[in-house]
Amino acid sequence: MQDREAMPLTDEERAELEQLRAEKAAREEAERARRERAELEELRRAARAESAPAPDAKPAPRRPRRAEEPVGEPTFGQRMVMTPESDDDVPGMAPAQKIVIAVCALCAVGGMVWVVLSNAGLVG
């Protein structure tokens, strides 16, 4: 018996293959057209929603500035996360960053002490 894949296609098989390819192309074209229509509808909806603002839409309420908060003075949170002003090219580290580095360093030192003491048999 000869290998079926080594044999060339018959005229009947070739016609069936062409028919299947045409059907596949038609399905792909229909799917592409459907996706384009859906995208067009979505864009139209977005354009309508953008052009017609809601009648009862209110701007987001803003927190009123307290009298004791000076306009130019940063809050505690802003001072903790912002780098201090410096004259040289290298900016200073923010206080919150210094705290995080110190806590990490303490954890690393504590871990090293624990490992050394447990290897020496002093800690269970």
PDB file of N, CA and C in Angstrom:
ATOM      1  N   MET A   1       0.829  -1.178   0.000  1.00  0.00           N
ATOM      2  CA  MET A   1       0.000   0.000   0.000  1.00  0.00           C
ATOM      3  C   MET A   1       0.873   1.241   0.000  1.00  0.00           C
ATOM      4  N   GLN A   2       0.475   2.159  -0.797  1.00  0.00           N
ATOM      5  CA  GLN A   2       1.220   3.409  -0.845  1.00  0.00           C
ATOM      6  C   GLN A   2       0.735   4.335   0.263  1.00  0.00           C
ATOM      7  N   ASP A   3       1.622   5.222   0.658  1.00  0.00           N
ATOM      8  CA  ASP A   3       1.276   6.207   1.673  1.00  0.00           C
ATOM      9  C   ASP A   3       0.294   7.208   1.077  1.00  0.00           C
ATOM     10  N   ARG A   4      -0.854   7.435   1.735  1.00  0.00           N
ATOM     11  CA  ARG A   4      -1.892   8.325   1.202  1.00  0.00           C
ATOM     12  C   ARG A   4      -1.415   9.765   1.105  1.00  0.00           C
ATOM     13  N   GLU A   5      -0.556  10.183   1.984  1.00  0.00           N
ATOM     14  CA  GLU A   5      -0.108  11.567   1.976  1.00  0.00           C
ATOM     15  C   GLU A   5       0.891  11.835   0.868  1.00  0.00           C
ATOM     16  N   ALA A   6       1.529  10.810   0.345  1.00  0.00           N
ATOM     17  CA  ALA A   6       2.482  10.986  -0.732  1.00  0.00           C
ATOM     18  C   ALA A   6       1.775  11.062  -2.083  1.00  0.00           C
ATOM     19  N   MET A   7       0.534  10.579  -2.149  1.00  0.00           N
ATOM     20  CA  MET A   7      -0.210  10.593  -3.408  1.00  0.00           C
ATOM     21  C   MET A   7      -0.792  11.988  -3.643  1.00  0.00           C
ATOM     22  N   PRO A   8      -0.801  12.440  -4.905  1.00  0.00           N
ATOM     23  CA  PRO A   8      -1.419  13.737  -5.192  1.00  0.00           C
ATOM     24  C   PRO A   8      -2.933  13.648  -5.040  1.00  0.00           C
ATOM     25  N   LEU A   9      -3.574  14.799  -4.862  1.00  0.00           N
ATOM     26  CA  LEU A   9      -5.021  14.842  -4.698  1.00  0.00           C
ATOM     27  C   LEU A   9      -5.715  14.525  -6.028  1.00  0.00           C
ATOM     28  N   THR A  10      -6.836  13.857  -5.910  1.00  0.00           N
ATOM     29  CA  THR A  10      -7.633  13.609  -7.109  1.00  0.00           C
ATOM     30  C   THR A  10      -8.400  14.877  -7.445  1.00  0.00           C
ATOM     31  N   ASP A  11      -8.994  14.907  -8.634  1.00  0.00           N
ATOM     32  CA  ASP A  11      -9.759  16.090  -9.036  1.00  0.00           C
ATOM     33  C   ASP A  11     -10.933  16.321  -8.095  1.00  0.00           C
ATOM     34  N   GLU A  12     -11.554  15.240  -7.653  1.00  0.00           N
ATOM     35  CA  GLU A  12     -12.688  15.351  -6.734  1.00  0.00           C
ATOM     36  C   GLU A  12     -12.250  15.930  -5.391  1.00  0.00           C
ATOM     37  N   GLU A  13     -11.111  15.450  -4.855  1.00  0.00           N
ATOM     38  CA  GLU A  13     -10.593  15.949  -3.585  1.00  0.00           C
ATOM     39  C   GLU A  13     -10.152  17.407  -3.717  1.00  0.00           C
ATOM     40  N   ARG A  14      -9.544  17.740  -4.843  1.00  0.00           N
ATOM     41  CA  ARG A  14      -9.098  19.115  -5.074  1.00  0.00           C
ATOM     42  C   ARG A  14     -10.306  20.068  -5.110  1.00  0.00           C
ATOM     43  N   ALA A  15     -11.403  19.645  -5.754  1.00  0.00           N
ATOM     44  CA  ALA A  15     -12.614  20.463  -5.823  1.00  0.00           C
ATOM     45  C   ALA A  15     -13.210  20.632  -4.432  1.00  0.00           C
ATOM     46  N   GLU A  16     -13.226  19.553  -3.637  1.00  0.00           N
ATOM     47  CA  GLU A  16     -13.749  19.633  -2.279  1.00  0.00           C
ATOM     48  C   GLU A  16     -12.895  20.573  -1.431  1.00  0.00           C
ATOM     49  N   LEU A  17     -11.584  20.509  -1.605  1.00  0.00           N
ATOM     50  CA  LEU A  17     -10.671  21.378  -0.867  1.00  0.00           C
ATOM     51  C   LEU A  17     -10.922  22.847  -1.214  1.00  0.00           C
ATOM     52  N   GLU A  18     -11.088  23.132  -2.492  1.00  0.00           N
ATOM     53  CA  GLU A  18     -11.366  24.506  -2.923  1.00  0.00           C
ATOM     54  C   GLU A  18     -12.693  24.999  -2.359  1.00  0.00           C
ATOM     55  N   GLN A  19     -13.691  24.115  -2.320  1.00  0.00           N
ATOM     56  CA  GLN A  19     -14.996  24.481  -1.788  1.00  0.00           C
ATOM     57  C   GLN A  19     -14.883  24.791  -0.290  1.00  0.00           C
ATOM     58  N   LEU A  20     -14.149  23.961   0.440  1.00  0.00           N
ATOM     59  CA  LEU A  20     -13.967  24.189   1.878  1.00  0.00           C
ATOM     60  C   LEU A  20     -13.199  25.484   2.140  1.00  0.00           C
ATOM     61  N   ARG A  21     -12.186  25.755   1.321  1.00  0.00           N
ATOM     62  CA  ARG A  21     -11.434  26.999   1.480  1.00  0.00           C
ATOM     63  C   ARG A  21     -12.331  28.210   1.236  1.00  0.00           C
ATOM     64  N   ALA A  22     -13.208  28.126   0.229  1.00  0.00           N
ATOM     65  CA  ALA A  22     -14.121  29.228  -0.075  1.00  0.00           C
ATOM     66  C   ALA A  22     -15.103  29.440   1.081  1.00  0.00           C
ATOM     67  N   GLU A  23     -15.611  28.342   1.655  1.00  0.00           N
ATOM     68  CA  GLU A  23     -16.530  28.461   2.790  1.00  0.00           C
ATOM     69  C   GLU A  23     -15.827  29.088   3.988  1.00  0.00           C
ATOM     70  N   LYS A  24     -14.588  28.673   4.211  1.00  0.00           N
ATOM     71  CA  LYS A  24     -13.826  29.217   5.330  1.00  0.00           C
ATOM     72  C   LYS A  24     -13.582  30.710   5.126  1.00  0.00           C
ATOM     73  N   ALA A  25     -13.229  31.119   3.925  1.00  0.00           N
ATOM     74  CA  ALA A  25     -13.003  32.530   3.633  1.00  0.00           C
ATOM     75  C   ALA A  25     -14.288  33.332   3.835  1.00  0.00           C
ATOM     76  N   ALA A  26     -15.429  32.775   3.427  1.00  0.00           N
ATOM     77  CA  ALA A  26     -16.706  33.466   3.599  1.00  0.00           C
ATOM     78  C   ALA A  26     -17.037  33.622   5.086  1.00  0.00           C
ATOM     79  N   ARG A  27     -16.783  32.573   5.885  1.00  0.00           N
ATOM     80  CA  ARG A  27     -17.030  32.660   7.332  1.00  0.00           C
ATOM     81  C   ARG A  27     -16.128  33.709   7.975  1.00  0.00           C
ATOM     82  N   GLU A  28     -14.849  33.726   7.585  1.00  0.00           N
ATOM     83  CA  GLU A  28     -13.922  34.702   8.154  1.00  0.00           C
ATOM     84  C   GLU A  28     -14.322  36.122   7.774  1.00  0.00           C
ATOM     85  N   GLU A  29     -14.761  36.317   6.543  1.00  0.00           N
ATOM     86  CA  GLU A  29     -15.213  37.640   6.095  1.00  0.00           C
ATOM     87  C   GLU A  29     -16.446  38.087   6.882  1.00  0.00           C
ATOM     88  N   ALA A  30     -17.382  37.164   7.096  1.00  0.00           N
ATOM     89  CA  ALA A  30     -18.590  37.495   7.857  1.00  0.00           C
ATOM     90  C   ALA A  30     -18.227  37.834   9.301  1.00  0.00           C
ATOM     91  N   GLU A  31     -17.301  37.107   9.896  1.00  0.00           N
ATOM     92  CA  GLU A  31     -16.879  37.368  11.277  1.00  0.00           C
ATOM     93  C   GLU A  31     -16.180  38.727  11.366  1.00  0.00           C
ATOM     94  N   ARG A  32     -15.346  39.048  10.387  1.00  0.00           N
ATOM     95  CA  ARG A  32     -14.662  40.338  10.374  1.00  0.00           C
ATOM     96  C   ARG A  32     -15.675  41.476  10.250  1.00  0.00           C
ATOM     97  N   ALA A  33     -16.670  41.301   9.392  1.00  0.00           N
ATOM     98  CA  ALA A  33     -17.703  42.321   9.220  1.00  0.00           C
ATOM     99  C   ALA A  33     -18.522  42.488  10.504  1.00  0.00           C
ATOM    100  N   ARG A  34     -18.818  41.379  11.185  1.00  0.00           N
ATOM    101  CA  ARG A  34     -19.565  41.445  12.441  1.00  0.00           C
ATOM    102  C   ARG A  34     -18.773  42.200  13.502  1.00  0.00           C
ATOM    103  N   ARG A  35     -17.461  41.925  13.596  1.00  0.00           N
ATOM    104  CA  ARG A  35     -16.614  42.620  14.572  1.00  0.00           C
ATOM    105  C   ARG A  35     -16.542  44.115  14.268  1.00  0.00           C
ATOM    106  N   GLU A  36     -16.452  44.447  12.976  1.00  0.00           N
ATOM    107  CA  GLU A  36     -16.399  45.856  12.602  1.00  0.00           C
ATOM    108  C   GLU A  36     -17.704  46.566  12.943  1.00  0.00           C
ATOM    109  N   ARG A  37     -18.843  45.895  12.711  1.00  0.00           N
ATOM    110  CA  ARG A  37     -20.130  46.501  13.057  1.00  0.00           C
ATOM    111  C   ARG A  37     -20.233  46.721  14.562  1.00  0.00           C
ATOM    112  N   ALA A  38     -19.792  45.725  15.347  1.00  0.00           N
ATOM    113  CA  ALA A  38     -19.844  45.858  16.805  1.00  0.00           C
ATOM    114  C   ALA A  38     -18.944  47.002  17.271  1.00  0.00           C
ATOM    115  N   GLU A  39     -17.766  47.123  16.672  1.00  0.00           N
ATOM    116  CA  GLU A  39     -16.860  48.206  17.038  1.00  0.00           C
ATOM    117  C   GLU A  39     -17.469  49.565  16.673  1.00  0.00           C
ATOM    118  N   LEU A  40     -18.103  49.646  15.505  1.00  0.00           N
ATOM    119  CA  LEU A  40     -18.749  50.888  15.081  1.00  0.00           C
ATOM    120  C   LEU A  40     -19.856  51.280  16.052  1.00  0.00           C
ATOM    121  N   GLU A  41     -20.677  50.326  16.460  1.00  0.00           N
ATOM    122  CA  GLU A  41     -21.745  50.606  17.416  1.00  0.00           C
ATOM    123  C   GLU A  41     -21.175  51.085  18.751  1.00  0.00           C
ATOM    124  N   GLU A  42     -20.113  50.441  19.197  1.00  0.00           N
ATOM    125  CA  GLU A  42     -19.483  50.831  20.462  1.00  0.00           C
ATOM    126  C   GLU A  42     -18.942  52.254  20.375  1.00  0.00           C
ATOM    127  N   LEU A  43     -18.315  52.595  19.255  1.00  0.00           N
ATOM    128  CA  LEU A  43     -17.788  53.942  19.093  1.00  0.00           C
ATOM    129  C   LEU A  43     -18.917  54.965  19.015  1.00  0.00           C
ATOM    130  N   ARG A  44     -20.012  54.607  18.357  1.00  0.00           N
ATOM    131  CA  ARG A  44     -21.157  55.512  18.285  1.00  0.00           C
ATOM    132  C   ARG A  44     -21.740  55.758  19.670  1.00  0.00           C
ATOM    133  N   ARG A  45     -21.871  54.679  20.462  1.00  0.00           N
ATOM    134  CA  ARG A  45     -22.395  54.824  21.821  1.00  0.00           C
ATOM    135  C   ARG A  45     -21.490  55.714  22.654  1.00  0.00           C
ATOM    136  N   ALA A  46     -20.183  55.517  22.522  1.00  0.00           N
ATOM    137  CA  ALA A  46     -19.232  56.324  23.286  1.00  0.00           C
ATOM    138  C   ALA A  46     -19.304  57.782  22.863  1.00  0.00           C
ATOM    139  N   ALA A  47     -19.460  58.036  21.561  1.00  0.00           N
ATOM    140  CA  ALA A  47     -19.545  59.409  21.081  1.00  0.00           C
ATOM    141  C   ALA A  47     -20.825  60.069  21.578  1.00  0.00           C
ATOM    142  N   ARG A  48     -21.938  59.316  21.585  1.00  0.00           N
ATOM    143  CA  ARG A  48     -23.196  59.874  22.086  1.00  0.00           C
ATOM    144  C   ARG A  48     -23.096  60.179  23.575  1.00  0.00           C
ATOM    145  N   ALA A  49     -22.495  59.283  24.327  1.00  0.00           N
ATOM    146  CA  ALA A  49     -22.365  59.486  25.776  1.00  0.00           C
ATOM    147  C   ALA A  49     -21.441  60.659  26.064  1.00  0.00           C
ATOM    148  N   GLU A  50     -20.428  60.836  25.239  1.00  0.00           N
ATOM    149  CA  GLU A  50     -19.475  61.917  25.448  1.00  0.00           C
ATOM    150  C   GLU A  50     -20.077  63.264  25.079  1.00  0.00           C
ATOM    151  N   SER A  51     -20.859  63.305  24.003  1.00  0.00           N
ATOM    152  CA  SER A  51     -21.390  64.583  23.536  1.00  0.00           C
ATOM    153  C   SER A  51     -22.590  65.045  24.359  1.00  0.00           C
ATOM    154  N   ALA A  52     -23.348  64.144  24.915  1.00  0.00           N
ATOM    155  CA  ALA A  52     -24.525  64.518  25.699  1.00  0.00           C
ATOM    156  C   ALA A  52     -24.259  64.266  27.177  1.00  0.00           C
ATOM    157  N   PRO A  53     -23.910  65.324  27.940  1.00  0.00           N
ATOM    158  CA  PRO A  53     -23.655  65.105  29.367  1.00  0.00           C
ATOM    159  C   PRO A  53     -24.957  64.817  30.104  1.00  0.00           C
ATOM    160  N   ALA A  54     -24.852  64.066  31.145  1.00  0.00           N
ATOM    161  CA  ALA A  54     -26.027  63.715  31.944  1.00  0.00           C
ATOM    162  C   ALA A  54     -26.565  64.981  32.603  1.00  0.00           C
ATOM    163  N   PRO A  55     -27.896  65.176  32.601  1.00  0.00           N
ATOM    164  CA  PRO A  55     -28.460  66.409  33.162  1.00  0.00           C
ATOM    165  C   PRO A  55     -28.273  66.525  34.669  1.00  0.00           C
ATOM    166  N   ASP A  56     -28.225  65.408  35.376  1.00  0.00           N
ATOM    167  CA  ASP A  56     -28.093  65.476  36.822  1.00  0.00           C
ATOM    168  C   ASP A  56     -26.661  65.236  37.288  1.00  0.00           C
ATOM    169  N   ALA A  57     -25.716  65.297  36.371  1.00  0.00           N
ATOM    170  CA  ALA A  57     -24.318  65.075  36.741  1.00  0.00           C
ATOM    171  C   ALA A  57     -23.789  66.278  37.507  1.00  0.00           C
ATOM    172  N   LYS A  58     -23.234  66.005  38.672  1.00  0.00           N
ATOM    173  CA  LYS A  58     -22.682  67.062  39.501  1.00  0.00           C
ATOM    174  C   LYS A  58     -21.171  66.878  39.544  1.00  0.00           C
ATOM    175  N   PRO A  59     -20.427  67.961  39.652  1.00  0.00           N
ATOM    176  CA  PRO A  59     -18.987  67.804  39.786  1.00  0.00           C
ATOM    177  C   PRO A  59     -18.670  67.136  41.125  1.00  0.00           C
ATOM    178  N   ALA A  60     -17.563  66.450  41.147  1.00  0.00           N
ATOM    179  CA  ALA A  60     -17.170  65.751  42.365  1.00  0.00           C
ATOM    180  C   ALA A  60     -16.968  66.762  43.489  1.00  0.00           C
ATOM    181  N   PRO A  61     -17.516  66.482  44.660  1.00  0.00           N
ATOM    182  CA  PRO A  61     -17.363  67.440  45.759  1.00  0.00           C
ATOM    183  C   PRO A  61     -15.905  67.508  46.198  1.00  0.00           C
ATOM    184  N   ARG A  62     -15.436  68.710  46.407  1.00  0.00           N
ATOM    185  CA  ARG A  62     -14.067  68.902  46.848  1.00  0.00           C
ATOM    186  C   ARG A  62     -14.062  69.138  48.351  1.00  0.00           C
ATOM    187  N   ARG A  63     -13.048  68.626  48.977  1.00  0.00           N
ATOM    188  CA  ARG A  63     -12.918  68.830  50.411  1.00  0.00           C
ATOM    189  C   ARG A  63     -12.530  70.285  50.645  1.00  0.00           C
ATOM    190  N   PRO A  64     -13.312  70.988  51.432  1.00  0.00           N
ATOM    191  CA  PRO A  64     -12.966  72.395  51.667  1.00  0.00           C
ATOM    192  C   PRO A  64     -11.675  72.496  52.483  1.00  0.00           C
ATOM    193  N   ARG A  65     -10.868  73.459  52.130  1.00  0.00           N
ATOM    194  CA  ARG A  65      -9.610  73.651  52.843  1.00  0.00           C
ATOM    195  C   ARG A  65      -9.898  74.276  54.208  1.00  0.00           C
ATOM    196  N   ARG A  66      -9.326  73.658  55.236  1.00  0.00           N
ATOM    197  CA  ARG A  66      -9.523  74.183  56.578  1.00  0.00           C
ATOM    198  C   ARG A  66      -8.750  75.486  56.738  1.00  0.00           C
ATOM    199  N   ALA A  67      -9.224  76.304  57.646  1.00  0.00           N
ATOM    200  CA  ALA A  67      -8.610  77.619  57.846  1.00  0.00           C
ATOM    201  C   ALA A  67      -7.178  77.486  58.376  1.00  0.00           C
ATOM    202  N   GLU A  68      -6.914  76.457  59.180  1.00  0.00           N
ATOM    203  CA  GLU A  68      -5.574  76.321  59.762  1.00  0.00           C
ATOM    204  C   GLU A  68      -4.567  75.723  58.791  1.00  0.00           C
ATOM    205  N   GLU A  69      -5.015  75.259  57.621  1.00  0.00           N
ATOM    206  CA  GLU A  69      -4.090  74.718  56.624  1.00  0.00           C
ATOM    207  C   GLU A  69      -3.620  75.840  55.718  1.00  0.00           C
ATOM    208  N   PRO A  70      -2.387  76.277  55.866  1.00  0.00           N
ATOM    209  CA  PRO A  70      -1.893  77.302  54.954  1.00  0.00           C
ATOM    210  C   PRO A  70      -1.772  76.719  53.543  1.00  0.00           C
ATOM    211  N   VAL A  71      -1.938  77.560  52.554  1.00  0.00           N
ATOM    212  CA  VAL A  71      -1.934  77.100  51.165  1.00  0.00           C
ATOM    213  C   VAL A  71      -0.583  76.545  50.766  1.00  0.00           C
ATOM    214  N   GLY A  72       0.498  77.172  51.152  1.00  0.00           N
ATOM    215  CA  GLY A  72       1.826  76.750  50.727  1.00  0.00           C
ATOM    216  C   GLY A  72       2.453  75.682  51.612  1.00  0.00           C
ATOM    217  N   GLU A  73       1.897  75.421  52.778  1.00  0.00           N
ATOM    218  CA  GLU A  73       2.479  74.467  53.729  1.00  0.00           C
ATOM    219  C   GLU A  73       2.057  73.044  53.387  1.00  0.00           C
ATOM    220  N   PRO A  74       3.006  72.116  53.177  1.00  0.00           N
ATOM    221  CA  PRO A  74       2.624  70.729  52.878  1.00  0.00           C
ATOM    222  C   PRO A  74       2.085  70.025  54.123  1.00  0.00           C
ATOM    223  N   THR A  75       1.225  69.042  53.912  1.00  0.00           N
ATOM    224  CA  THR A  75       0.665  68.279  55.024  1.00  0.00           C
ATOM    225  C   THR A  75       1.706  67.295  55.545  1.00  0.00           C
ATOM    226  N   PHE A  76       1.375  66.608  56.647  1.00  0.00           N
ATOM    227  CA  PHE A  76       2.297  65.630  57.215  1.00  0.00           C
ATOM    228  C   PHE A  76       2.609  64.521  56.213  1.00  0.00           C
ATOM    229  N   GLY A  77       1.573  64.008  55.550  1.00  0.00           N
ATOM    230  CA  GLY A  77       1.783  62.943  54.569  1.00  0.00           C
ATOM    231  C   GLY A  77       2.648  63.395  53.414  1.00  0.00           C
ATOM    232  N   GLN A  78       2.432  64.618  52.946  1.00  0.00           N
ATOM    233  CA  GLN A  78       3.256  65.143  51.855  1.00  0.00           C
ATOM    234  C   GLN A  78       4.701  65.301  52.298  1.00  0.00           C
ATOM    235  N   ARG A  79       4.916  65.760  53.519  1.00  0.00           N
ATOM    236  CA  ARG A  79       6.292  65.911  54.011  1.00  0.00           C
ATOM    237  C   ARG A  79       6.987  64.566  54.139  1.00  0.00           C
ATOM    238  N   MET A  80       6.221  63.498  54.486  1.00  0.00           N
ATOM    239  CA  MET A  80       6.830  62.175  54.675  1.00  0.00           C
ATOM    240  C   MET A  80       7.258  61.533  53.358  1.00  0.00           C
ATOM    241  N   VAL A  81       6.538  61.791  52.277  1.00  0.00           N
ATOM    242  CA  VAL A  81       6.836  61.098  51.026  1.00  0.00           C
ATOM    243  C   VAL A  81       7.576  61.955  50.012  1.00  0.00           C
ATOM    244  N   MET A  82       7.676  63.237  50.239  1.00  0.00           N
ATOM    245  CA  MET A  82       8.383  64.103  49.298  1.00  0.00           C
ATOM    246  C   MET A  82       9.828  64.266  49.732  1.00  0.00           C
ATOM    247  N   THR A  83      10.724  64.373  48.746  1.00  0.00           N
ATOM    248  CA  THR A  83      12.137  64.556  49.073  1.00  0.00           C
ATOM    249  C   THR A  83      12.369  65.997  49.494  1.00  0.00           C
ATOM    250  N   PRO A  84      13.226  66.201  50.492  1.00  0.00           N
ATOM    251  CA  PRO A  84      13.509  67.566  50.917  1.00  0.00           C
ATOM    252  C   PRO A  84      14.302  68.308  49.837  1.00  0.00           C
ATOM    253  N   GLU A  85      14.129  69.596  49.811  1.00  0.00           N
ATOM    254  CA  GLU A  85      14.857  70.414  48.842  1.00  0.00           C
ATOM    255  C   GLU A  85      16.332  70.449  49.225  1.00  0.00           C
ATOM    256  N   SER A  86      17.203  70.360  48.218  1.00  0.00           N
ATOM    257  CA  SER A  86      18.636  70.442  48.479  1.00  0.00           C
ATOM    258  C   SER A  86      19.287  71.250  47.366  1.00  0.00           C
ATOM    259  N   ASP A  87      20.454  71.784  47.664  1.00  0.00           N
ATOM    260  CA  ASP A  87      21.142  72.642  46.702  1.00  0.00           C
ATOM    261  C   ASP A  87      21.968  71.849  45.697  1.00  0.00           C
ATOM    262  N   ASP A  88      22.474  70.685  46.093  1.00  0.00           N
ATOM    263  CA  ASP A  88      23.319  69.915  45.178  1.00  0.00           C
ATOM    264  C   ASP A  88      22.482  69.118  44.183  1.00  0.00           C
ATOM    265  N   ASP A  89      23.151  68.383  43.295  1.00  0.00           N
ATOM    266  CA  ASP A  89      22.464  67.648  42.232  1.00  0.00           C
ATOM    267  C   ASP A  89      21.697  66.435  42.745  1.00  0.00           C
ATOM    268  N   VAL A  90      22.169  65.818  43.830  1.00  0.00           N
ATOM    269  CA  VAL A  90      21.549  64.601  44.344  1.00  0.00           C
ATOM    270  C   VAL A  90      20.477  64.986  45.366  1.00  0.00           C
ATOM    271  N   PRO A  91      19.208  64.660  45.096  1.00  0.00           N
ATOM    272  CA  PRO A  91      18.159  65.003  46.070  1.00  0.00           C
ATOM    273  C   PRO A  91      18.252  64.098  47.292  1.00  0.00           C
ATOM    274  N   GLY A  92      17.786  64.589  48.420  1.00  0.00           N
ATOM    275  CA  GLY A  92      17.791  63.805  49.646  1.00  0.00           C
ATOM    276  C   GLY A  92      16.695  62.752  49.628  1.00  0.00           C
ATOM    277  N   MET A  93      16.793  61.788  50.560  1.00  0.00           N
ATOM    278  CA  MET A  93      15.776  60.739  50.642  1.00  0.00           C
ATOM    279  C   MET A  93      14.598  61.240  51.464  1.00  0.00           C
ATOM    280  N   ALA A  94      13.427  60.781  51.090  1.00  0.00           N
ATOM    281  CA  ALA A  94      12.222  61.124  51.837  1.00  0.00           C
ATOM    282  C   ALA A  94      12.254  60.420  53.188  1.00  0.00           C
ATOM    283  N   PRO A  95      11.678  61.032  54.225  1.00  0.00           N
ATOM    284  CA  PRO A  95      11.682  60.397  55.559  1.00  0.00           C
ATOM    285  C   PRO A  95      11.033  59.017  55.566  1.00  0.00           C
ATOM    286  N   ALA A  96       9.945  58.827  54.810  1.00  0.00           N
ATOM    287  CA  ALA A  96       9.290  57.519  54.787  1.00  0.00           C
ATOM    288  C   ALA A  96      10.230  56.464  54.205  1.00  0.00           C
ATOM    289  N   GLN A  97      11.015  56.835  53.201  1.00  0.00           N
ATOM    290  CA  GLN A  97      11.959  55.895  52.598  1.00  0.00           C
ATOM    291  C   GLN A  97      13.043  55.516  53.602  1.00  0.00           C
ATOM    292  N   LYS A  98      13.504  56.473  54.387  1.00  0.00           N
ATOM    293  CA  LYS A  98      14.511  56.184  55.410  1.00  0.00           C
ATOM    294  C   LYS A  98      13.959  55.209  56.446  1.00  0.00           C
ATOM    295  N   ILE A  99      12.691  55.388  56.828  1.00  0.00           N
ATOM    296  CA  ILE A  99      12.074  54.501  57.819  1.00  0.00           C
ATOM    297  C   ILE A  99      11.983  53.079  57.278  1.00  0.00           C
ATOM    298  N   VAL A 100      11.562  52.929  56.025  1.00  0.00           N
ATOM    299  CA  VAL A 100      11.442  51.599  55.428  1.00  0.00           C
ATOM    300  C   VAL A 100      12.802  50.918  55.350  1.00  0.00           C
ATOM    301  N   ILE A 101      13.834  51.648  54.967  1.00  0.00           N
ATOM    302  CA  ILE A 101      15.182  51.070  54.883  1.00  0.00           C
ATOM    303  C   ILE A 101      15.665  50.653  56.267  1.00  0.00           C
ATOM    304  N   ALA A 102      15.391  51.471  57.292  1.00  0.00           N
ATOM    305  CA  ALA A 102      15.821  51.129  58.650  1.00  0.00           C
ATOM    306  C   ALA A 102      15.122  49.868  59.147  1.00  0.00           C
ATOM    307  N   VAL A 103      13.817  49.736  58.884  1.00  0.00           N
ATOM    308  CA  VAL A 103      13.082  48.543  59.311  1.00  0.00           C
ATOM    309  C   VAL A 103      13.612  47.305  58.593  1.00  0.00           C
ATOM    310  N   CYS A 104      13.898  47.406  57.307  1.00  0.00           N
ATOM    311  CA  CYS A 104      14.444  46.266  56.551  1.00  0.00           C
ATOM    312  C   CYS A 104      15.819  45.872  57.077  1.00  0.00           C
ATOM    313  N   ALA A 105      16.648  46.870  57.392  1.00  0.00           N
ATOM    314  CA  ALA A 105      17.976  46.584  57.930  1.00  0.00           C
ATOM    315  C   ALA A 105      17.861  45.882  59.282  1.00  0.00           C
ATOM    316  N   LEU A 106      16.942  46.339  60.149  1.00  0.00           N
ATOM    317  CA  LEU A 106      16.741  45.684  61.443  1.00  0.00           C
ATOM    318  C   LEU A 106      16.290  44.237  61.275  1.00  0.00           C
ATOM    319  N   CYS A 107      15.382  43.990  60.332  1.00  0.00           N
ATOM    320  CA  CYS A 107      14.926  42.621  60.081  1.00  0.00           C
ATOM    321  C   CYS A 107      16.068  41.743  59.582  1.00  0.00           C
ATOM    322  N   ALA A 108      16.921  42.277  58.724  1.00  0.00           N
ATOM    323  CA  ALA A 108      18.050  41.511  58.208  1.00  0.00           C
ATOM    324  C   ALA A 108      19.037  41.175  59.317  1.00  0.00           C
ATOM    325  N   VAL A 109      19.342  42.151  60.176  1.00  0.00           N
ATOM    326  CA  VAL A 109      20.265  41.904  61.295  1.00  0.00           C
ATOM    327  C   VAL A 109      19.659  40.888  62.253  1.00  0.00           C
ATOM    328  N   GLY A 110      18.363  41.030  62.551  1.00  0.00           N
ATOM    329  CA  GLY A 110      17.701  40.070  63.440  1.00  0.00           C
ATOM    330  C   GLY A 110      17.720  38.661  62.849  1.00  0.00           C
ATOM    331  N   GLY A 111      17.497  38.543  61.552  1.00  0.00           N
ATOM    332  CA  GLY A 111      17.543  37.231  60.904  1.00  0.00           C
ATOM    333  C   GLY A 111      18.930  36.614  60.965  1.00  0.00           C
ATOM    334  N   MET A 112      19.950  37.430  60.744  1.00  0.00           N
ATOM    335  CA  MET A 112      21.330  36.914  60.815  1.00  0.00           C
ATOM    336  C   MET A 112      21.660  36.447  62.234  1.00  0.00           C
ATOM    337  N   VAL A 113      21.251  37.219  63.235  1.00  0.00           N
ATOM    338  CA  VAL A 113      21.506  36.825  64.627  1.00  0.00           C
ATOM    339  C   VAL A 113      20.790  35.513  64.925  1.00  0.00           C
ATOM    340  N   TRP A 114      19.559  35.376  64.485  1.00  0.00           N
ATOM    341  CA  TRP A 114      18.789  34.153  64.708  1.00  0.00           C
ATOM    342  C   TRP A 114      19.488  32.946  64.069  1.00  0.00           C
ATOM    343  N   VAL A 115      19.960  33.092  62.851  1.00  0.00           N
ATOM    344  CA  VAL A 115      20.640  31.988  62.157  1.00  0.00           C
ATOM    345  C   VAL A 115      21.915  31.605  62.888  1.00  0.00           C
ATOM    346  N   VAL A 116      22.703  32.587  63.286  1.00  0.00           N
ATOM    347  CA  VAL A 116      23.955  32.301  63.982  1.00  0.00           C
ATOM    348  C   VAL A 116      23.687  31.607  65.311  1.00  0.00           C
ATOM    349  N   LEU A 117      22.717  32.118  66.077  1.00  0.00           N
ATOM    350  CA  LEU A 117      22.432  31.508  67.381  1.00  0.00           C
ATOM    351  C   LEU A 117      21.809  30.115  67.240  1.00  0.00           C
ATOM    352  N   SER A 118      20.988  29.890  66.219  1.00  0.00           N
ATOM    353  CA  SER A 118      20.397  28.562  66.057  1.00  0.00           C
ATOM    354  C   SER A 118      21.444  27.560  65.571  1.00  0.00           C
ATOM    355  N   ASN A 119      22.399  27.986  64.741  1.00  0.00           N
ATOM    356  CA  ASN A 119      23.475  27.095  64.314  1.00  0.00           C
ATOM    357  C   ASN A 119      24.429  26.761  65.466  1.00  0.00           C
ATOM    358  N   ALA A 120      24.568  27.690  66.401  1.00  0.00           N
ATOM    359  CA  ALA A 120      25.429  27.450  67.567  1.00  0.00           C
ATOM    360  C   ALA A 120      24.722  26.603  68.615  1.00  0.00           C
ATOM    361  N   GLY A 121      23.421  26.387  68.454  1.00  0.00           N
ATOM    362  CA  GLY A 121      22.685  25.562  69.389  1.00  0.00           C
ATOM    363  C   GLY A 121      22.174  26.321  70.585  1.00  0.00           C
ATOM    364  N   LEU A 122      22.239  27.637  70.572  1.00  0.00           N
ATOM    365  CA  LEU A 122      21.780  28.422  71.710  1.00  0.00           C
ATOM    366  C   LEU A 122      20.297  28.730  71.658  1.00  0.00           C
ATOM    367  N   VAL A 123      19.715  28.696  70.457  1.00  0.00           N
ATOM    368  CA  VAL A 123      18.292  28.972  70.287  1.00  0.00           C
ATOM    369  C   VAL A 123      17.664  27.717  69.702  1.00  0.00           C
ATOM    370  N   GLY A 124      16.471  27.349  70.195  1.00  0.00           N
ATOM    371  CA  GLY A 124      15.786  26.126  69.803  1.00  0.00           C
ATOM    372  C   GLY A 124      15.463  26.074  68.389  1.00  0.00           C
TER     373      GLY A 124
END
